[in-house]
Protein backbone atom coordinates (compact mmCIF):
# COMPACT_ATOMS: atom_id res chain seq x y z
CA MET A 1 -87.48 -147.14 6.48
CA PRO A 2 -87.87 -149.61 9.10
CA MET A 3 -86.83 -153.14 8.39
CA ALA A 4 -89.24 -156.36 9.06
CA SER A 5 -88.34 -159.79 9.66
CA ILE A 6 -89.63 -162.33 7.24
CA GLY A 7 -92.32 -163.56 9.98
CA THR A 8 -93.37 -159.62 10.16
CA ALA A 9 -93.17 -159.61 6.39
CA ALA A 10 -95.55 -162.67 6.12
CA LYS A 11 -98.07 -161.27 8.47
CA GLN A 12 -98.29 -157.99 7.11
CA SER A 13 -98.49 -159.21 3.45
CA GLY A 14 -100.46 -162.26 3.83
CA VAL A 15 -97.86 -164.29 2.06
CA GLY A 16 -96.61 -167.42 4.13
CA ILE A 17 -92.66 -167.57 5.14
CA GLU A 18 -92.00 -170.68 2.66
CA THR A 19 -93.72 -168.94 -0.11
CA ILE A 20 -91.66 -165.65 0.26
CA ARG A 21 -88.50 -167.84 0.18
CA TYR A 22 -89.92 -169.49 -3.05
CA TYR A 23 -90.77 -165.91 -4.57
CA GLU A 24 -87.12 -164.93 -4.04
CA ARG A 25 -85.67 -168.14 -5.52
CA GLU A 26 -88.17 -167.52 -8.53
CA GLY A 27 -87.12 -163.97 -8.88
CA ILE A 28 -90.48 -162.67 -8.34
CA ILE A 29 -89.17 -160.53 -5.64
CA PRO A 30 -85.74 -159.54 -5.18
CA ALA A 31 -83.40 -161.39 -2.75
CA ALA A 32 -83.72 -159.96 0.59
CA ARG A 33 -81.26 -157.94 2.30
CA ARG A 34 -79.54 -159.41 5.45
CA ALA A 35 -79.57 -158.21 8.94
CA ALA A 36 -76.00 -158.45 10.67
CA ASN A 37 -77.27 -161.84 12.17
CA GLY A 38 -77.79 -163.11 8.55
CA ARG A 39 -81.74 -163.16 8.79
CA ARG A 40 -83.94 -161.79 5.99
CA VAL A 41 -85.19 -158.46 6.23
CA TYR A 42 -87.85 -156.55 4.14
CA ASP A 43 -88.72 -152.88 3.79
CA GLU A 44 -92.10 -151.21 2.87
CA ASN A 45 -91.56 -151.61 -0.62
CA ASP A 46 -90.91 -155.48 -0.37
CA ILE A 47 -93.79 -156.02 1.55
CA ALA A 48 -95.97 -153.88 -0.73
CA ARG A 49 -94.73 -155.99 -3.85
CA LEU A 50 -95.53 -159.25 -1.69
CA LYS A 51 -99.20 -157.53 -1.21
CA PHE A 52 -99.30 -157.27 -5.15
CA VAL A 53 -98.29 -160.64 -5.97
CA ARG A 54 -100.75 -162.13 -3.41
CA ARG A 55 -103.57 -160.19 -4.74
CA GLY A 56 -102.51 -161.70 -8.17
CA ARG A 57 -102.48 -164.87 -6.74
CA ASP A 58 -105.90 -164.68 -5.11
CA LEU A 59 -107.15 -163.47 -8.66
CA GLY A 60 -105.91 -166.83 -9.88
CA PHE A 61 -103.11 -165.22 -12.15
CA SER A 62 -100.08 -167.21 -12.96
CA ILE A 63 -96.53 -166.71 -11.70
CA ALA A 64 -95.70 -165.83 -15.39
CA ASP A 65 -98.52 -163.37 -15.59
CA ILE A 66 -97.58 -161.58 -12.31
CA LYS A 67 -93.75 -161.42 -13.44
CA SER A 68 -95.34 -159.63 -16.41
CA PHE A 69 -97.27 -157.34 -14.30
CA LEU A 70 -94.38 -156.44 -12.31
CA ASN A 71 -92.38 -155.87 -15.18
CA LEU A 72 -94.96 -153.68 -16.77
CA ALA A 73 -95.45 -151.89 -13.47
CA SER A 74 -91.78 -150.86 -13.12
CA ASP A 75 -91.81 -149.63 -17.03
CA HIS A 76 -93.16 -146.36 -17.06
CA GLY A 77 -93.27 -146.41 -20.77
CA SER A 78 -95.82 -149.62 -20.64
CA THR A 79 -99.28 -149.12 -21.68
CA CYS A 80 -102.93 -150.29 -19.91
CA ASP A 81 -103.30 -152.21 -23.51
CA GLU A 82 -100.56 -154.68 -22.44
CA VAL A 83 -102.00 -155.25 -18.94
CA LYS A 84 -105.30 -155.62 -20.18
CA ALA A 85 -104.41 -158.20 -22.92
CA ILE A 86 -103.10 -160.35 -20.06
CA GLY A 87 -106.11 -159.95 -17.86
CA GLU A 88 -108.53 -160.79 -20.97
CA ALA A 89 -106.40 -163.97 -21.61
CA HIS A 90 -106.79 -164.91 -17.78
CA LEU A 91 -110.45 -163.92 -18.05
CA ARG A 92 -111.08 -166.45 -21.01
CA ARG A 93 -109.39 -169.13 -19.10
CA VAL A 94 -111.57 -168.50 -15.77
CA ARG A 95 -114.64 -168.44 -18.04
CA THR A 96 -113.88 -171.80 -19.59
CA LYS A 97 -113.08 -173.22 -16.07
CA VAL A 98 -116.47 -171.99 -14.57
CA ALA A 99 -118.35 -173.48 -17.67
CA GLU A 100 -116.51 -176.81 -17.03
CA LEU A 101 -117.57 -176.60 -13.37
CA ARG A 102 -121.04 -175.92 -14.21
CA ARG A 103 -121.04 -179.08 -16.35
CA ILE A 104 -119.52 -181.11 -13.43
CA GLU A 105 -122.07 -179.60 -10.99
CA GLN A 106 -125.06 -180.66 -13.39
CA ALA A 107 -123.60 -184.27 -13.72
CA LEU A 108 -123.24 -184.50 -9.93
CA ALA A 109 -126.59 -183.18 -9.35
CA GLU A 110 -128.16 -185.88 -11.49
CA LEU A 111 -126.19 -188.69 -10.03
CA VAL A 112 -127.09 -187.42 -6.45
CA HIS A 113 -130.71 -187.50 -7.42
CA LEU A 114 -130.51 -190.85 -8.53
CA CYS A 115 -129.09 -191.92 -5.21
CA ASN A 116 -132.20 -190.39 -3.51
CA GLU A 117 -134.44 -192.63 -5.38
CA GLY A 118 -133.85 -195.46 -2.82
CA ARG A 119 -132.34 -198.10 -5.11
CA THR A 120 -130.20 -200.95 -3.74
CA ALA A 121 -127.54 -200.84 -6.57
CA CYS A 122 -125.85 -197.22 -6.34
CA PRO A 123 -126.32 -195.42 -9.76
CA MET A 124 -123.23 -193.03 -8.81
CA LEU A 125 -121.07 -195.98 -8.49
CA GLN A 126 -122.49 -197.70 -11.53
CA ALA A 127 -121.95 -194.30 -13.55
CA LEU A 128 -118.35 -194.14 -12.12
CA SER A 129 -117.77 -197.90 -12.89
CA SER A 130 -119.21 -197.81 -16.53
CA LYS A 131 -116.72 -197.50 -19.47
């Protein structure tokens, strides 16, 4: 199995070099093997694990959730129910965040609309300054 440098692993996985080092320190990925010159080297399995972590992070899963997924993926006795429960909890958090962002969007739209009315006193600044 060919070995890749950390730079190559970063390019192939879409994970930054410093992030790879962080993942190693946090135990998200195993410590890299070292080449004779002391540099980190990664095999296809390491890069696949980095891609897995990146895809999870892209979906907004926490590091703790991703660690759970990795443990469940390596536990051949695990069930989809365990993974589903983590996914459902995350989905609830995302939906709550989306609802909050919609409320913020509406409030900002109203404030921006007030600014379009050509007043000399800025309604947005007044709203932000009010107690």
